[in-house]
Amino acid sequence: VQLVESGGGLVQPGGSLRLSCAASGFTFSMYRMSWYRQASGKERELVAGITSAGDRRDYADSVKGRFTISRDNAQNTVYLQMSSLNAEDTAVYYCTVRHIGVRKWGQGTQVTVSS
């Protein structure tokens, strides 16, 4: 299993970013995918999840209405569209899948919201 995140960077408050996670090594279309984040000095927290078919999505209360998770099963990729970003969204964002009972993580991508 390999998960490779990209798309992070520095963005001003109120701005937008789209994160991508390219997956390989497993049958992507059969698994729920999630995004987590970890801010400096804080525990890792769930941001959003999407079912294998993409028909159901769930979000942390802190990002509802601002973030959208989506997936392209043909491209083995999951996305996180983030808008109206604020300083509290600054964190390392991780793509993850629970594969055969074991949670696998990507290396993470840093998102920094600052003026």
Protein backbone atom coordinates (compact mmCIF):
# COMPACT_ATOMS: atom_id res chain seq x y z
CA VAL A 1 0.00 0.00 0.00
CA GLN A 2 1.32 3.40 -0.95
CA LEU A 3 -0.34 6.75 -0.41
CA VAL A 4 1.27 9.92 -1.76
CA GLU A 5 -0.20 13.28 -0.84
CA SER A 6 0.42 16.50 -2.73
CA GLY A 7 -0.98 20.00 -3.07
CA GLY A 8 -0.08 21.52 0.26
CA GLY A 9 1.57 24.87 0.66
CA LEU A 10 1.29 28.38 2.03
CA VAL A 11 -2.04 30.14 1.55
CA GLN A 12 -3.50 33.37 2.87
CA PRO A 13 -6.51 33.36 5.20
CA GLY A 14 -9.68 32.99 3.18
CA GLY A 15 -7.86 31.18 0.41
CA SER A 16 -8.28 27.73 -1.10
CA LEU A 17 -6.19 24.66 -1.75
CA ARG A 18 -6.85 21.25 -3.23
CA LEU A 19 -4.99 18.29 -1.83
CA SER A 20 -4.56 15.06 -3.77
CA CYS A 21 -3.66 11.57 -2.63
CA ALA A 22 -2.49 9.03 -5.19
CA ALA A 23 -3.03 5.47 -4.01
CA SER A 24 -1.45 2.24 -5.16
CA GLY A 25 -0.87 -1.32 -4.02
CA PHE A 26 -4.48 -2.16 -3.24
CA THR A 27 -7.88 -2.17 -4.92
CA PHE A 28 -8.65 1.48 -4.33
CA SER A 29 -12.30 1.31 -5.40
CA MET A 30 -13.11 -1.15 -2.62
CA TYR A 31 -12.00 0.99 0.32
CA ARG A 32 -13.23 3.94 2.26
CA MET A 33 -10.66 6.74 2.24
CA SER A 34 -10.09 9.47 4.79
CA TRP A 35 -8.13 12.63 5.39
CA TYR A 36 -6.69 13.41 8.81
CA ARG A 37 -4.63 16.34 9.97
CA GLN A 38 -2.21 17.03 12.77
CA ALA A 39 -1.35 20.50 13.96
CA SER A 40 1.85 21.14 15.85
CA GLY A 41 1.50 19.97 19.45
CA LYS A 42 -1.93 18.44 18.87
CA GLU A 43 -3.30 14.97 18.25
CA ARG A 44 -4.10 13.77 14.77
CA GLU A 45 -7.77 14.33 13.97
CA LEU A 46 -10.20 13.10 11.34
CA VAL A 47 -11.07 15.77 8.78
CA ALA A 48 -13.21 13.92 6.23
CA GLY A 49 -14.07 10.46 4.96
CA ILE A 50 -15.64 9.06 1.83
CA THR A 51 -17.10 5.64 1.11
CA SER A 52 -15.65 3.35 -1.52
CA ALA A 53 -18.26 4.32 -4.11
CA GLY A 54 -18.13 7.97 -3.16
CA ASP A 55 -21.81 8.05 -2.28
CA ARG A 56 -21.42 9.09 1.34
CA ARG A 57 -19.11 11.62 2.91
CA ASP A 58 -18.60 12.78 6.45
CA TYR A 59 -16.76 15.76 7.88
CA ALA A 60 -15.44 17.10 11.13
CA ASP A 61 -17.64 19.88 12.44
CA SER A 62 -14.75 22.31 12.14
CA VAL A 63 -14.57 21.93 8.35
CA LYS A 64 -18.21 21.35 7.36
CA GLY A 65 -19.28 23.70 4.61
CA ARG A 66 -15.67 24.62 3.79
CA PHE A 67 -14.00 21.34 2.79
CA THR A 68 -15.13 18.78 0.24
CA ILE A 69 -13.75 15.26 -0.08
CA SER A 70 -14.06 13.45 -3.40
CA ARG A 71 -12.50 10.54 -5.23
CA ASP A 72 -11.78 9.29 -8.71
CA ASN A 73 -11.73 5.52 -8.67
CA ALA A 74 -10.48 5.39 -12.25
CA GLN A 75 -7.42 7.41 -11.22
CA ASN A 76 -6.99 5.84 -7.75
CA THR A 77 -6.99 9.31 -6.27
CA VAL A 78 -8.79 11.00 -3.41
CA TYR A 79 -9.03 14.77 -3.10
CA LEU A 80 -9.67 17.33 -0.42
CA GLN A 81 -10.88 20.69 -1.66
CA MET A 82 -10.39 23.28 1.07
CA SER A 83 -11.82 26.77 1.01
CA SER A 84 -12.23 29.68 3.43
CA LEU A 85 -9.04 28.56 5.10
CA ASN A 86 -8.03 30.04 8.42
CA ALA A 87 -5.05 29.77 10.72
CA GLU A 88 -6.65 26.90 12.64
CA ASP A 89 -6.45 24.79 9.47
CA THR A 90 -2.64 24.91 9.56
CA ALA A 91 -1.46 21.32 9.91
CA VAL A 92 0.09 18.38 8.18
CA TYR A 93 -2.65 16.62 6.21
CA TYR A 94 -2.57 12.87 5.80
CA CYS A 95 -4.38 10.51 3.49
CA THR A 96 -5.26 7.17 5.05
CA VAL A 97 -6.91 3.84 4.40
CA ARG A 98 -7.70 0.93 6.67
CA HIS A 99 -6.42 -1.98 4.63
CA ILE A 100 -7.01 -5.53 5.89
CA GLY A 101 -7.40 -4.25 9.42
CA VAL A 102 -4.28 -2.11 9.40
CA ARG A 103 -4.39 1.65 8.98
CA LYS A 104 -1.95 2.90 6.39
CA TRP A 105 -0.77 6.50 6.12
CA GLY A 106 0.85 8.68 3.54
CA GLN A 107 3.81 10.89 4.37
CA GLY A 108 1.61 13.95 4.73
CA THR A 109 1.54 17.37 3.11
CA GLN A 110 1.97 20.62 5.01
CA VAL A 111 -0.75 23.27 4.80
CA THR A 112 0.10 26.64 6.30
CA VAL A 113 -2.48 29.40 6.45
CA SER A 114 -0.85 32.73 7.10
CA SER A 115 -0.76 36.29 5.84
